[in-house]
Amino acid sequence: MAAHGTPEYSTAEGNDYAEHERTYERFIGLVKWGVIFNVILLILMAYFLV
């Protein structure tokens, strides 16, 4: 087996909590609109295809 050196760990400097909150809000918005779009699509399919 190959010889490996000791692992080096690094830590992030600072806490970018504001960016975390913005990313989470975008994710929640995307999920919300995705669900709304799928519900509308299913309603339209049920109306026009049946």
C-alpha atoms as a PDB file:
ATOM      1  CA  MET A   1       0.000   0.000   0.000  1.00  0.00           C
ATOM      2  CA  ALA A   2       1.077   3.547  -0.555  1.00  0.00           C
ATOM      3  CA  ALA A   3       2.436   5.538   2.334  1.00  0.00           C
ATOM      4  CA  HIS A   4       0.269   8.501   3.188  1.00  0.00           C
ATOM      5  CA  GLY A   5       1.176  11.581   5.161  1.00  0.00           C
ATOM      6  CA  THR A   6      -0.857  12.888   8.036  1.00  0.00           C
ATOM      7  CA  PRO A   7      -4.214  14.337   6.980  1.00  0.00           C
ATOM      8  CA  GLU A   8      -4.544  18.098   6.948  1.00  0.00           C
ATOM      9  CA  TYR A   9      -7.839  19.598   8.011  1.00  0.00           C
ATOM     10  CA  SER A  10      -8.901  23.108   7.230  1.00  0.00           C
ATOM     11  CA  THR A  11     -11.766  25.119   8.570  1.00  0.00           C
ATOM     12  CA  ALA A  12     -13.798  27.816   6.913  1.00  0.00           C
ATOM     13  CA  GLU A  13     -13.132  31.283   8.180  1.00  0.00           C
ATOM     14  CA  GLY A  14     -16.128  33.274   9.274  1.00  0.00           C
ATOM     15  CA  ASN A  15     -19.765  32.295   9.232  1.00  0.00           C
ATOM     16  CA  ASP A  16     -21.694  33.349   6.138  1.00  0.00           C
ATOM     17  CA  TYR A  17     -25.096  32.857   7.725  1.00  0.00           C
ATOM     18  CA  ALA A  18     -26.754  35.494   5.535  1.00  0.00           C
ATOM     19  CA  GLU A  19     -25.807  33.595   2.371  1.00  0.00           C
ATOM     20  CA  HIS A  20     -27.058  30.373   3.964  1.00  0.00           C
ATOM     21  CA  GLU A  21     -30.432  31.993   4.620  1.00  0.00           C
ATOM     22  CA  ARG A  22     -30.665  33.344   1.049  1.00  0.00           C
ATOM     23  CA  THR A  23     -29.860  29.919  -0.396  1.00  0.00           C
ATOM     24  CA  TYR A  24     -32.452  28.264   1.851  1.00  0.00           C
ATOM     25  CA  GLU A  25     -35.116  30.815   0.876  1.00  0.00           C
ATOM     26  CA  ARG A  26     -34.399  30.203  -2.825  1.00  0.00           C
ATOM     27  CA  PHE A  27     -34.627  26.452  -2.278  1.00  0.00           C
ATOM     28  CA  ILE A  28     -37.958  26.756  -0.449  1.00  0.00           C
ATOM     29  CA  GLY A  29     -39.298  29.051  -3.195  1.00  0.00           C
ATOM     30  CA  LEU A  30     -38.211  26.624  -5.904  1.00  0.00           C
ATOM     31  CA  VAL A  31     -39.875  23.700  -4.132  1.00  0.00           C
ATOM     32  CA  LYS A  32     -43.062  25.714  -3.556  1.00  0.00           C
ATOM     33  CA  TRP A  33     -43.366  26.764  -7.195  1.00  0.00           C
ATOM     34  CA  GLY A  34     -42.467  23.268  -8.376  1.00  0.00           C
ATOM     35  CA  VAL A  35     -45.296  21.786  -6.330  1.00  0.00           C
ATOM     36  CA  ILE A  36     -47.744  24.448  -7.542  1.00  0.00           C
ATOM     37  CA  PHE A  37     -46.749  23.809 -11.162  1.00  0.00           C
ATOM     38  CA  ASN A  38     -47.192  20.045 -10.772  1.00  0.00           C
ATOM     39  CA  VAL A  39     -50.608  20.430  -9.138  1.00  0.00           C
ATOM     40  CA  ILE A  40     -51.781  22.709 -11.953  1.00  0.00           C
ATOM     41  CA  LEU A  41     -50.371  20.314 -14.542  1.00  0.00           C
ATOM     42  CA  LEU A  42     -52.209  17.351 -12.978  1.00  0.00           C
ATOM     43  CA  ILE A  43     -55.473  19.303 -12.818  1.00  0.00           C
ATOM     44  CA  LEU A  44     -55.163  20.267 -16.487  1.00  0.00           C
ATOM     45  CA  MET A  45     -54.322  16.686 -17.465  1.00  0.00           C
ATOM     46  CA  ALA A  46     -57.301  15.368 -15.533  1.00  0.00           C
ATOM     47  CA  TYR A  47     -59.582  17.882 -17.246  1.00  0.00           C
ATOM     48  CA  PHE A  48     -58.338  17.598 -20.827  1.00  0.00           C
ATOM     49  CA  LEU A  49     -57.166  13.991 -21.051  1.00  0.00           C
ATOM     50  CA  VAL A  50     -60.046  12.182 -19.348  1.00  0.00           C
END
